[in-house]
Amino acid sequence: MKGKAKMTDIEMNGNGDEDFSENDMTEHLRQIAEILCENISVVTCCSVRLVEDDMLALKALYGFAKNGPREEKIPLEDTIAGAAIFQKKPIAIKDIRKEKKYNFSKSHEGLVSLLAMPIFWKEKALGVIQLYTLQEHVFVEKEVKLVQYLAAPLIGLAVKYAKINNRRLLALLEVSKALSSKSDLEDMFETIVDRAAHVLGIKRCALFLLSEIGDKICLEAGFPKCDHGIGLERELREYPAVREVIESQNWLLIENPQSHELTRDSAALSRTYGINAILFVPLVFERKILGAFTFDATGNKKTFLPQEIGVCRIMANISSAAIARAREQERFQKEMTAKNRMEILGKAAADIAHEIRNPLTSIGGFARRILKKADDPQKVLEYGNIIVKETDRLEQIVGEVLEYSRQKELNLVRANLNNLIHETVKLLEIVFSDKRITVLLNLAEETVEMQLDAVKIKSVLTNILRNAVEALSENVGEKQIWIETHQTKTHVELVIKNNISAPLSQEILENMFNPFFTTKANGTGLGLAIVDSVIRLHKGYIKVDHDGQKIAFNIRLPR
């Protein structure tokens, strides 16, 4: 069973479990208006008008309390709202006070810019969303898309209330609101599958994303989390059903997954979990395929009804828009990071030259003094010791620069992470003892074996622990370091945390992994940059949590 229509072409003749009144519809429209105002920072007010004959009737308002009453009805002809419907596209007005088609009155005082977004259902015009700002504003593409791909479909549902039950519509509203506030992709993926299962009342679903090239598919999230191999990446050709959905960009319902030719690759899985039917829904944003959603019918649930398929497709539509928005933000951040790194590189060249020049100057200066005091053994010894000390410092700088520059390839071996932790702690035992630092280990009881570069991971551990030692040297209270490991089927988590004497500034938190950024008098700023580089090479990630009393380095590595 294959779909070939757009999201709203599915009739949702639901046997709603609640009565859905006109008041319910109005309240849902108001909630959507509120979501838009909360997530587009410049937008202060929002109204929703629906088509009634040749007029647009006001159905919902948000944020207009200070601007007085609004017209109950406005004509379709010769209005901005009507033009958006007739032209079937959003219309943005920079200043409504200068717009002839806008009937400006006292109730509009203070309002300046307007975005009018038409609402359609099965090509039929339902109404328009109007968003207002209190200052001149040019609505950018991502703001228009948020309205177009998240709010407009939900309003279409709310208006066609007889076709979907109240509980599911309210749940979809909550999903839209939750996703619109998230930017972290991993967190977003988990939210999507969790909310999808809740909306549909199902026990299993999964989210797959397509690689940039389009030849691989990765399982980014699943519900329940423990039953899915999160992070597993395979060739797209190995998933015939997913491949079919991605290539056609149409939904697909397979009601006999244990024997169907497109799901033979997962027949054993279907038997294990008692899967009676699988619904595959593409994730598409602006005609670009992002991946696919899978929904499983298990237990007493034998298949998916038409109205449930419609809800799944709307869920996919909401998710696609949210994922695309988060990816756009992520790309922007990377572009800014690349630009910043070029600036950092210029500064780094000056910093590293300065760092090397200082010990070289000392070495040269004291070497010349030795020549002048060659007949004074005590002075020669004193100056010689200084030269040795400065040479050690120079070797440290050059060594760290070389180590950072070599972080390109891994020598992967099967190793036990817990053993590497014990070895590193043992090597630093004297340092901990001298500084009166207590190291507390809470390592996973089972063997934490994984593919890694043992030398580089020990370098990571050493750098973080030395960083902790330096931080604790300034601490007059308890001096403790906690090291923990946890593991799942797909990854290993390593947490190293320590006390701190004072909260860290935002500047430090944002730049601590940047090369050559340091707050230490004799630091090169390469230690944590090396840590970050090694973890990335292992296809893992590292983040820092900070509560003002402790700082924690959270590392996640694939198994």
Protein backbone atom coordinates (compact mmCIF):
# COMPACT_ATOMS: atom_id res chain seq x y z
CA MET A 1 0.00 0.00 0.00
CA LYS A 2 1.73 3.13 -1.19
CA GLY A 3 0.85 6.80 -0.90
CA LYS A 4 1.35 9.28 -3.72
CA ALA A 5 -0.18 12.42 -2.32
CA LYS A 6 0.93 15.31 -0.18
CA MET A 7 0.52 15.31 3.57
CA THR A 8 -2.98 16.74 3.65
CA ASP A 9 -4.36 14.41 0.96
CA ILE A 10 -5.01 11.71 3.54
CA GLU A 11 -8.59 11.79 4.82
CA MET A 12 -8.56 11.44 8.58
CA ASN A 13 -12.09 10.24 9.25
CA GLY A 14 -11.20 9.37 12.82
CA ASN A 15 -13.41 7.81 15.40
CA GLY A 16 -12.36 10.56 17.82
CA ASP A 17 -12.22 9.56 21.43
CA GLU A 18 -13.39 13.02 22.48
CA ASP A 19 -15.96 15.48 21.21
CA PHE A 20 -14.25 18.38 19.47
CA SER A 21 -16.24 21.59 19.77
CA GLU A 22 -15.92 24.99 18.14
CA ASN A 23 -14.35 26.17 21.40
CA ASP A 24 -11.74 23.40 21.15
CA MET A 25 -10.83 24.53 17.64
CA THR A 26 -10.54 28.16 18.74
CA GLU A 27 -8.32 27.22 21.66
CA HIS A 28 -6.04 25.11 19.44
CA LEU A 29 -5.75 27.97 16.96
CA ARG A 30 -4.83 30.30 19.82
CA GLN A 31 -2.16 27.84 21.01
CA ILE A 32 -0.63 27.71 17.54
CA ALA A 33 -0.59 31.52 17.45
CA GLU A 34 1.15 31.50 20.84
CA ILE A 35 3.78 29.01 19.61
CA LEU A 36 4.59 31.28 16.68
CA CYS A 37 4.93 34.38 18.85
CA GLU A 38 7.18 32.53 21.29
CA ASN A 39 9.48 31.12 18.60
CA ILE A 40 9.84 34.12 16.29
CA SER A 41 11.34 36.66 18.66
CA VAL A 42 10.30 39.79 16.77
CA VAL A 43 6.65 38.72 16.46
CA THR A 44 4.40 40.20 19.14
CA CYS A 45 0.89 39.50 17.86
CA CYS A 46 -0.76 36.82 15.77
CA SER A 47 -4.25 36.30 14.39
CA VAL A 48 -5.94 33.44 12.55
CA ARG A 49 -8.79 34.14 10.12
CA LEU A 50 -10.89 31.55 8.29
CA VAL A 51 -12.75 31.87 5.01
CA GLU A 52 -16.52 32.36 5.34
CA ASP A 53 -18.12 33.02 1.95
CA ASP A 54 -16.28 36.08 0.59
CA MET A 55 -15.03 37.20 4.00
CA LEU A 56 -12.25 36.27 6.43
CA ALA A 57 -13.66 35.71 9.93
CA LEU A 58 -11.48 36.21 13.00
CA LYS A 59 -11.13 32.91 14.93
CA ALA A 60 -8.09 33.30 17.19
CA LEU A 61 -5.85 36.02 18.61
CA TYR A 62 -2.68 36.13 20.63
CA GLY A 63 -0.85 39.18 21.97
CA PHE A 64 -3.42 41.82 20.97
CA ALA A 65 -4.63 42.84 24.44
CA LYS A 66 -2.96 46.23 24.31
CA ASN A 67 -4.03 47.00 20.77
CA GLY A 68 -7.79 47.03 21.23
CA PRO A 69 -10.48 44.98 19.45
CA ARG A 70 -10.00 43.58 15.95
CA GLU A 71 -12.47 43.50 13.07
CA GLU A 72 -14.60 40.36 13.30
CA LYS A 73 -14.61 40.04 9.51
CA ILE A 74 -12.56 41.51 6.68
CA PRO A 75 -13.14 41.05 2.92
CA LEU A 76 -11.11 38.67 0.79
CA GLU A 77 -10.93 41.23 -1.99
CA ASP A 78 -8.44 44.10 -1.75
CA THR A 79 -6.81 42.96 1.51
CA ILE A 80 -3.33 41.64 2.24
CA ALA A 81 -4.79 38.50 3.83
CA GLY A 82 -6.97 37.89 0.80
CA ALA A 83 -4.07 38.47 -1.60
CA ALA A 84 -2.01 35.81 0.19
CA ILE A 85 -4.84 33.32 -0.37
CA PHE A 86 -5.42 34.26 -4.01
CA GLN A 87 -1.69 34.15 -4.80
CA LYS A 88 -1.23 30.94 -2.76
CA LYS A 89 1.96 32.25 -1.19
CA PRO A 90 3.04 34.21 1.90
CA ILE A 91 3.12 38.00 1.69
CA ALA A 92 5.43 40.09 3.87
CA ILE A 93 4.84 43.82 4.38
CA LYS A 94 7.65 45.86 5.92
CA ASP A 95 5.36 48.73 7.02
CA ILE A 96 1.58 48.26 7.01
CA ARG A 97 1.11 51.98 7.76
CA LYS A 98 2.18 52.72 4.20
CA GLU A 99 0.26 49.88 2.56
CA LYS A 100 -2.88 50.91 0.65
CA LYS A 101 -4.50 47.48 0.91
CA TYR A 102 -4.21 47.47 4.68
CA ASN A 103 -7.14 49.11 6.49
CA PHE A 104 -5.12 50.81 9.24
CA SER A 105 -7.16 51.96 12.26
CA LYS A 106 -6.72 52.74 15.97
CA SER A 107 -6.76 49.04 16.79
CA HIS A 108 -3.59 48.67 14.70
CA GLU A 109 -1.60 51.39 16.46
CA GLY A 110 1.91 50.22 17.31
CA LEU A 111 1.89 47.45 14.69
CA VAL A 112 4.41 47.85 11.88
CA SER A 113 5.43 44.76 9.88
CA LEU A 114 3.17 41.90 8.76
CA LEU A 115 3.54 38.35 7.46
CA ALA A 116 0.38 36.83 5.96
CA MET A 117 0.54 33.04 5.45
CA PRO A 118 -2.31 31.29 3.57
CA ILE A 119 -3.73 28.00 4.89
CA PHE A 120 -4.85 25.32 2.45
CA TRP A 121 -6.37 21.86 2.83
CA LYS A 122 -6.59 19.67 -0.28
CA GLU A 123 -5.97 22.76 -2.41
CA LYS A 124 -8.96 24.40 -0.75
CA ALA A 125 -8.34 27.78 0.89
CA LEU A 126 -9.18 27.65 4.60
CA GLY A 127 -7.84 30.97 5.85
CA VAL A 128 -4.73 32.93 6.75
CA ILE A 129 -2.28 33.37 9.64
CA GLN A 130 -1.15 36.96 10.22
CA LEU A 131 1.93 37.79 12.30
CA TYR A 132 2.76 41.33 13.42
CA THR A 133 5.83 43.11 14.79
CA LEU A 134 6.11 46.36 16.72
CA GLN A 135 9.06 47.60 14.67
CA GLU A 136 10.11 47.43 11.04
CA HIS A 137 11.21 43.91 10.23
CA VAL A 138 12.03 41.98 7.08
CA PHE A 139 10.86 38.40 7.61
CA VAL A 140 13.71 36.05 6.76
CA GLU A 141 13.37 32.68 5.07
CA LYS A 142 13.64 30.56 8.21
CA GLU A 143 10.85 32.55 9.90
CA VAL A 144 8.57 32.08 6.90
CA LYS A 145 9.36 28.35 6.82
CA LEU A 146 8.55 27.94 10.50
CA VAL A 147 5.06 29.27 9.83
CA GLN A 148 4.66 27.44 6.53
CA TYR A 149 5.82 23.98 7.56
CA LEU A 150 4.91 23.80 11.26
CA ALA A 151 1.92 26.03 11.93
CA ALA A 152 -0.09 26.02 8.70
CA PRO A 153 -0.59 22.19 8.56
CA LEU A 154 -1.67 22.15 12.22
CA ILE A 155 -4.17 24.91 11.62
CA GLY A 156 -5.51 22.90 8.71
CA LEU A 157 -6.05 20.01 11.12
CA ALA A 158 -7.70 22.18 13.73
CA VAL A 159 -10.11 23.61 11.17
CA LYS A 160 -11.00 20.17 9.82
CA TYR A 161 -11.68 19.04 13.38
CA ALA A 162 -14.18 16.36 12.37
CA LYS A 163 -11.36 14.41 10.74
CA ILE A 164 -9.10 13.90 13.76
CA ASN A 165 -9.69 13.46 17.45
CA ASN A 166 -8.97 16.16 19.98
CA ARG A 167 -6.36 14.19 21.93
CA ARG A 168 -4.11 13.64 18.93
CA LEU A 169 -4.38 17.21 17.71
CA LEU A 170 -3.43 18.51 21.14
CA ALA A 171 -0.49 16.08 21.23
CA LEU A 172 0.69 17.29 17.80
CA LEU A 173 0.53 20.85 19.07
CA GLU A 174 2.73 19.87 22.00
CA VAL A 175 5.19 18.16 19.63
CA SER A 176 5.39 21.25 17.44
CA LYS A 177 5.99 23.45 20.47
CA ALA A 178 8.66 21.12 21.90
CA LEU A 179 10.58 20.78 18.63
CA SER A 180 10.47 24.46 17.77
CA SER A 181 12.44 25.23 20.94
CA LYS A 182 15.23 22.69 20.36
CA SER A 183 18.42 23.15 18.38
CA ASP A 184 20.58 20.21 19.54
CA LEU A 185 20.04 17.48 16.94
CA GLU A 186 20.62 14.47 19.21
CA ASP A 187 18.20 15.83 21.80
CA MET A 188 15.72 16.63 19.03
CA PHE A 189 15.87 13.10 17.60
CA GLU A 190 15.07 11.57 20.99
CA THR A 191 12.20 14.02 21.50
CA ILE A 192 10.75 13.21 18.08
CA VAL A 193 10.55 9.43 18.55
CA ASP A 194 9.35 9.73 22.14
CA ARG A 195 6.54 12.14 21.21
CA ALA A 196 5.65 10.13 18.10
CA ALA A 197 5.09 7.01 20.19
CA HIS A 198 3.00 9.06 22.63
CA VAL A 199 0.85 10.68 19.92
CA LEU A 200 0.06 7.37 18.22
CA GLY A 201 -0.06 5.16 21.28
CA ILE A 202 2.42 2.71 19.75
CA LYS A 203 5.27 0.79 21.33
CA ARG A 204 7.93 1.05 18.62
CA CYS A 205 9.13 3.65 16.12
CA ALA A 206 12.46 4.76 14.65
CA LEU A 207 14.03 7.71 12.87
CA PHE A 208 16.53 7.20 10.01
CA LEU A 209 18.52 9.97 8.34
CA LEU A 210 20.15 9.85 4.94
CA SER A 211 23.85 10.63 4.53
CA GLU A 212 24.91 13.75 2.64
CA ILE A 213 25.86 11.68 -0.41
CA GLY A 214 22.65 9.67 -0.15
CA ASP A 215 24.19 6.19 -0.18
CA LYS A 216 23.92 5.41 3.53
CA ILE A 217 21.24 5.51 6.19
CA CYS A 218 21.82 6.00 9.92
CA LEU A 219 19.49 5.04 12.76
CA GLU A 220 19.50 8.30 14.73
CA ALA A 221 16.82 7.53 17.32
CA GLY A 222 14.40 4.81 18.34
CA PHE A 223 11.64 4.13 20.83
CA PRO A 224 12.21 2.37 23.10
CA LYS A 225 15.84 3.44 23.09
CA CYS A 226 17.18 0.17 24.51
CA ASP A 227 15.73 -1.91 21.65
CA HIS A 228 17.39 0.01 18.83
CA GLY A 229 21.00 0.15 17.67
CA ILE A 230 21.26 3.93 17.86
CA GLY A 231 24.07 5.26 15.69
CA LEU A 232 24.14 2.19 13.43
CA GLU A 233 24.98 3.21 9.85
CA ARG A 234 24.46 0.92 6.88
CA GLU A 235 24.30 1.08 3.11
CA LEU A 236 20.90 2.26 1.90
CA ARG A 237 20.66 -0.74 -0.43
CA GLU A 238 20.59 -2.99 2.65
CA TYR A 239 17.19 -1.53 3.63
CA PRO A 240 14.94 -2.17 0.59
CA ALA A 241 11.77 -0.75 2.19
CA VAL A 242 13.49 2.42 3.40
CA ARG A 243 15.17 2.76 0.01
CA GLU A 244 11.79 2.47 -1.72
CA VAL A 245 10.30 5.23 0.47
CA ILE A 246 13.31 7.53 0.05
CA GLU A 247 13.48 7.12 -3.72
CA SER A 248 9.73 7.59 -4.22
CA GLN A 249 9.29 10.15 -1.40
CA ASN A 250 5.96 8.43 -0.68
CA TRP A 251 4.72 6.60 2.40
CA LEU A 252 4.56 2.81 2.43
CA LEU A 253 2.50 0.44 4.61
CA ILE A 254 3.64 -3.18 4.81
CA GLU A 255 1.12 -5.39 6.62
CA ASN A 256 3.06 -8.66 6.44
CA PRO A 257 6.63 -7.61 7.32
CA GLN A 258 7.73 -11.14 8.25
CA SER A 259 7.26 -12.37 4.68
CA HIS A 260 7.18 -9.24 2.50
CA GLU A 261 10.05 -9.03 -0.01
CA LEU A 262 10.92 -5.45 1.00
CA THR A 263 11.34 -6.35 4.69
CA ARG A 264 13.11 -9.69 4.44
CA ASP A 265 16.20 -8.03 5.91
CA SER A 266 14.30 -7.48 9.17
CA ALA A 267 12.00 -10.54 9.20
CA ALA A 268 13.70 -11.95 12.31
CA LEU A 269 13.25 -8.62 14.06
CA SER A 270 9.55 -8.59 13.18
CA ARG A 271 9.12 -12.07 14.64
CA THR A 272 11.05 -11.20 17.80
CA TYR A 273 8.97 -8.12 18.59
CA GLY A 274 5.68 -9.38 17.17
CA ILE A 275 5.46 -6.67 14.51
CA ASN A 276 2.25 -7.02 12.50
CA ALA A 277 2.70 -4.02 10.20
CA ILE A 278 5.29 -1.33 9.50
CA LEU A 279 4.48 2.14 8.24
CA PHE A 280 7.34 3.91 6.45
CA VAL A 281 6.98 7.69 6.06
CA PRO A 282 9.56 9.87 4.26
CA LEU A 283 11.08 12.91 5.93
CA VAL A 284 10.95 15.61 3.26
CA PHE A 285 11.63 19.32 3.53
CA GLU A 286 11.29 21.58 0.49
CA ARG A 287 11.35 18.55 -1.82
CA LYS A 288 14.65 17.38 -0.35
CA ILE A 289 14.60 13.94 1.22
CA LEU A 290 16.15 13.84 4.70
CA GLY A 291 15.39 10.29 5.77
CA ALA A 292 12.47 8.17 6.92
CA PHE A 293 10.25 7.47 9.92
CA THR A 294 9.17 3.90 10.71
CA PHE A 295 6.17 3.08 12.89
CA ASP A 296 5.50 -0.50 14.08
CA ALA A 297 2.09 -2.02 14.80
CA THR A 298 2.62 -4.64 17.52
CA GLY A 299 0.54 -6.81 19.85
CA ASN A 300 -3.20 -6.32 19.37
CA LYS A 301 -2.61 -3.55 16.86
CA LYS A 302 -2.68 -5.19 13.43
CA THR A 303 -2.25 -2.23 11.07
CA PHE A 304 -2.54 1.55 10.72
CA LEU A 305 -5.87 3.17 9.91
CA PRO A 306 -6.08 5.99 7.34
CA GLN A 307 -6.42 8.66 10.03
CA GLU A 308 -3.36 7.25 11.83
CA ILE A 309 -1.36 7.36 8.60
CA GLY A 310 -2.37 11.00 8.26
CA VAL A 311 -1.16 11.76 11.77
CA CYS A 312 2.13 9.95 11.08
CA ARG A 313 2.68 12.00 7.95
CA ILE A 314 1.97 15.25 9.78
CA MET A 315 4.36 14.10 12.52
CA ALA A 316 6.98 13.50 9.82
CA ASN A 317 6.28 16.92 8.31
CA ILE A 318 6.73 18.66 11.66
CA SER A 319 9.91 16.67 12.33
CA SER A 320 11.37 17.37 8.88
CA ALA A 321 10.95 21.12 9.30
CA ALA A 322 12.47 21.02 12.79
CA ILE A 323 15.44 18.89 11.66
CA ALA A 324 16.08 21.14 8.65
CA ARG A 325 15.96 24.21 10.90
CA ALA A 326 18.40 22.66 13.39
CA ARG A 327 20.75 21.59 10.60
CA GLU A 328 20.69 25.09 9.17
CA GLN A 329 21.65 26.48 12.57
CA GLU A 330 24.37 23.85 12.88
CA ARG A 331 25.78 24.75 9.43
CA PHE A 332 25.76 28.42 10.35
CA GLN A 333 27.61 27.65 13.57
CA LYS A 334 30.21 25.64 11.63
CA GLU A 335 30.70 28.46 9.15
CA MET A 336 31.18 30.89 12.00
CA THR A 337 33.52 28.44 13.71
CA ALA A 338 35.61 28.09 10.52
CA LYS A 339 35.81 31.86 10.24
CA ASN A 340 36.76 32.15 13.89
CA ARG A 341 39.38 29.43 13.49
CA MET A 342 41.10 31.43 10.74
CA GLU A 343 41.20 34.40 13.08
CA ILE A 344 42.43 32.11 15.84
CA LEU A 345 45.14 30.74 13.53
CA GLY A 346 46.49 34.24 12.94
CA LYS A 347 46.48 34.90 16.66
CA ALA A 348 47.96 31.46 17.30
CA ALA A 349 50.94 32.15 15.06
CA ALA A 350 51.70 35.26 17.10
CA ASP A 351 51.07 33.42 20.39
CA ILE A 352 53.26 30.45 19.53
CA ALA A 353 56.05 32.74 18.32
CA HIS A 354 55.76 34.63 21.61
CA GLU A 355 55.80 31.39 23.63
CA ILE A 356 58.91 30.13 21.84
CA ARG A 357 60.67 33.48 21.90
CA ASN A 358 60.45 33.80 25.69
CA PRO A 359 62.48 30.68 26.56
CA LEU A 360 64.82 31.27 23.60
CA THR A 361 65.51 34.78 24.86
CA SER A 362 66.24 33.41 28.34
CA ILE A 363 68.47 30.65 26.98
CA GLY A 364 70.42 33.10 24.82
CA GLY A 365 70.73 35.63 27.63
CA PHE A 366 71.99 33.19 30.24
CA ALA A 367 74.31 31.46 27.74
CA ARG A 368 76.00 34.82 27.14
CA ARG A 369 76.26 35.36 30.91
CA ILE A 370 78.00 31.99 31.25
CA LEU A 371 80.59 33.12 28.71
CA LYS A 372 81.19 36.24 30.78
CA LYS A 373 81.30 34.32 34.09
CA ALA A 374 83.17 31.25 32.88
CA ASP A 375 85.56 31.50 35.83
CA ASP A 376 82.72 31.51 38.41
CA PRO A 377 81.53 27.87 38.87
CA GLN A 378 78.60 28.87 41.09
CA LYS A 379 77.23 31.33 38.51
CA VAL A 380 77.81 28.87 35.68
CA LEU A 381 75.79 26.25 37.61
CA GLU A 382 73.01 28.73 38.41
CA TYR A 383 72.74 29.97 34.82
CA GLY A 384 73.05 26.42 33.48
CA ASN A 385 70.08 25.27 35.58
CA ILE A 386 68.00 28.15 34.23
CA ILE A 387 68.96 27.20 30.66
CA VAL A 388 67.96 23.56 31.30
CA LYS A 389 64.62 24.69 32.77
CA GLU A 390 63.88 26.97 29.82
CA THR A 391 64.94 24.22 27.39
CA ASP A 392 62.44 21.85 29.05
CA ARG A 393 59.79 24.53 28.66
CA LEU A 394 60.69 24.94 24.98
CA GLU A 395 60.53 21.17 24.44
CA GLN A 396 57.10 21.09 26.08
CA ILE A 397 55.78 23.79 23.74
CA VAL A 398 57.20 22.15 20.63
CA GLY A 399 56.00 18.72 21.80
CA GLU A 400 52.42 19.90 22.33
CA VAL A 401 52.35 21.69 18.97
CA LEU A 402 53.63 18.53 17.24
CA GLU A 403 51.15 16.33 19.11
CA TYR A 404 48.27 18.58 18.09
CA SER A 405 49.40 18.67 14.46
CA ARG A 406 49.63 14.85 14.32
CA GLN A 407 46.01 14.22 15.38
CA LYS A 408 44.98 12.94 11.95
CA GLU A 409 45.12 9.14 11.97
CA LEU A 410 44.24 6.48 14.51
CA ASN A 411 45.96 3.19 15.28
CA LEU A 412 42.85 1.30 16.36
CA VAL A 413 43.15 -1.75 18.60
CA ARG A 414 40.73 -3.68 20.80
CA ALA A 415 41.34 -2.26 24.28
CA ASN A 416 39.72 -2.02 27.69
CA LEU A 417 38.95 1.61 28.57
CA ASN A 418 38.84 0.84 32.30
CA ASN A 419 42.38 -0.56 32.14
CA LEU A 420 43.62 2.59 30.39
CA ILE A 421 42.04 4.68 33.15
CA HIS A 422 43.76 2.62 35.87
CA GLU A 423 47.11 2.91 34.05
CA THR A 424 46.82 6.68 33.63
CA VAL A 425 45.79 7.25 37.25
CA LYS A 426 48.76 5.10 38.35
CA LEU A 427 51.15 7.22 36.25
CA LEU A 428 49.86 10.40 37.89
CA GLU A 429 49.71 8.92 41.39
CA ILE A 430 52.67 10.98 42.67
CA VAL A 431 51.15 14.20 41.30
CA PHE A 432 47.83 13.46 43.04
CA SER A 433 49.63 12.64 46.28
CA ASP A 434 51.76 15.81 46.22
CA LYS A 435 48.68 17.97 45.65
CA ARG A 436 46.63 15.98 48.20
CA ILE A 437 44.01 15.14 45.59
CA THR A 438 41.66 12.18 46.03
CA VAL A 439 40.68 10.26 42.90
CA LEU A 440 37.38 8.36 43.12
CA LEU A 441 36.69 5.69 40.51
CA ASN A 442 33.21 4.45 39.63
CA LEU A 443 33.88 2.29 36.59
CA ALA A 444 31.46 -0.04 34.85
CA GLU A 445 31.70 -3.49 36.42
CA GLU A 446 31.67 -5.28 33.10
CA THR A 447 34.67 -5.14 30.77
CA VAL A 448 34.54 -1.94 28.72
CA GLU A 449 36.21 -3.17 25.54
CA MET A 450 36.11 -1.15 22.34
CA GLN A 451 38.05 -0.17 19.23
CA LEU A 452 40.30 2.79 20.06
CA ASP A 453 43.77 4.26 19.78
CA ALA A 454 45.12 3.40 23.22
CA VAL A 455 48.01 5.90 23.07
CA LYS A 456 45.78 8.80 22.06
CA ILE A 457 43.05 7.94 24.58
CA LYS A 458 45.67 7.87 27.35
CA SER A 459 46.75 11.30 26.11
CA VAL A 460 43.12 12.44 26.47
CA LEU A 461 42.94 11.09 30.02
CA THR A 462 46.30 12.64 30.94
CA ASN A 463 45.41 16.07 29.57
CA ILE A 464 42.03 16.21 31.32
CA LEU A 465 43.46 14.94 34.61
CA ARG A 466 46.40 17.39 34.50
CA ASN A 467 43.90 20.13 33.78
CA ALA A 468 41.94 19.02 36.86
CA VAL A 469 45.10 19.00 38.98
CA GLU A 470 45.90 22.59 37.99
CA ALA A 471 42.33 23.67 38.75
CA LEU A 472 42.39 21.94 42.15
CA SER A 473 45.73 23.53 43.04
CA GLU A 474 43.82 26.80 43.51
CA ASN A 475 41.13 25.10 45.62
CA VAL A 476 41.34 25.57 49.38
CA GLY A 477 38.51 23.12 50.10
CA GLU A 478 38.05 19.49 49.10
CA LYS A 479 40.27 18.34 46.26
CA GLN A 480 38.54 15.47 44.48
CA ILE A 481 38.42 14.01 41.00
CA TRP A 482 35.65 11.60 39.99
CA ILE A 483 36.03 9.22 37.04
CA GLU A 484 33.05 7.20 35.83
CA THR A 485 32.36 4.88 32.90
CA HIS A 486 29.05 3.56 31.62
CA GLN A 487 28.26 1.55 28.52
CA THR A 488 25.37 0.58 26.26
CA LYS A 489 25.19 -1.68 23.23
CA THR A 490 26.30 1.14 20.94
CA HIS A 491 28.55 3.47 22.93
CA VAL A 492 30.65 4.08 26.03
CA GLU A 493 30.36 7.15 28.24
CA LEU A 494 33.31 8.52 30.22
CA VAL A 495 32.83 11.28 32.79
CA ILE A 496 35.71 13.08 34.52
CA LYS A 497 34.79 15.83 36.97
CA ASN A 498 36.47 17.83 39.68
CA ASN A 499 35.80 20.60 42.20
CA ILE A 500 36.51 24.18 41.17
CA SER A 501 37.24 27.16 43.38
CA ALA A 502 35.15 29.64 41.37
CA PRO A 503 32.61 29.59 38.51
CA LEU A 504 34.10 29.65 35.02
CA SER A 505 33.38 32.58 32.74
CA GLN A 506 31.35 32.16 29.56
CA GLU A 507 34.45 33.06 27.54
CA ILE A 508 36.38 30.13 29.01
CA LEU A 509 33.51 27.67 28.49
CA GLU A 510 33.10 28.70 24.86
CA ASN A 511 36.81 28.65 23.98
CA MET A 512 38.40 25.96 26.14
CA PHE A 513 38.72 23.51 23.22
CA ASN A 514 40.13 26.12 20.84
CA PRO A 515 43.86 25.71 20.15
CA PHE A 516 46.14 28.21 21.89
CA PHE A 517 43.37 29.51 24.15
CA THR A 518 44.69 29.51 27.71
CA THR A 519 44.26 31.31 31.00
CA LYS A 520 47.51 29.92 32.44
CA ALA A 521 50.67 31.97 32.63
CA ASN A 522 52.77 29.13 31.21
CA GLY A 523 50.12 27.30 29.19
CA THR A 524 50.02 26.73 25.45
CA GLY A 525 46.27 26.13 25.27
CA LEU A 526 46.81 22.91 23.32
CA GLY A 527 45.97 20.29 25.96
CA LEU A 528 42.18 20.40 25.64
CA ALA A 529 42.43 21.10 21.90
CA ILE A 530 44.26 17.76 21.61
CA VAL A 531 41.52 16.11 23.69
CA ASP A 532 38.80 17.46 21.41
CA SER A 533 40.70 16.40 18.28
CA VAL A 534 41.24 12.83 19.50
CA ILE A 535 37.60 12.37 20.51
CA ARG A 536 36.42 13.65 17.12
CA LEU A 537 38.78 11.28 15.34
CA HIS A 538 37.11 8.44 17.27
CA LYS A 539 33.74 9.73 15.96
CA GLY A 540 32.73 10.60 19.48
CA TYR A 541 31.92 13.88 21.13
CA ILE A 542 32.88 15.76 24.27
CA LYS A 543 30.90 18.37 26.15
CA VAL A 544 31.45 20.29 29.36
CA ASP A 545 28.91 20.64 32.17
CA HIS A 546 29.49 23.31 34.78
CA ASP A 547 27.38 24.19 37.83
CA GLY A 548 29.68 26.70 39.54
CA GLN A 549 31.05 24.12 42.01
CA LYS A 550 32.15 21.27 39.75
CA ILE A 551 33.21 20.95 36.14
CA ALA A 552 32.54 17.70 34.27
CA PHE A 553 33.97 16.50 30.96
CA ASN A 554 31.42 14.13 29.39
CA ILE A 555 32.85 11.96 26.62
CA ARG A 556 30.83 9.61 24.44
CA LEU A 557 32.60 7.09 22.20
CA PRO A 558 31.08 4.54 19.79
CA ARG A 559 31.82 0.91 20.59
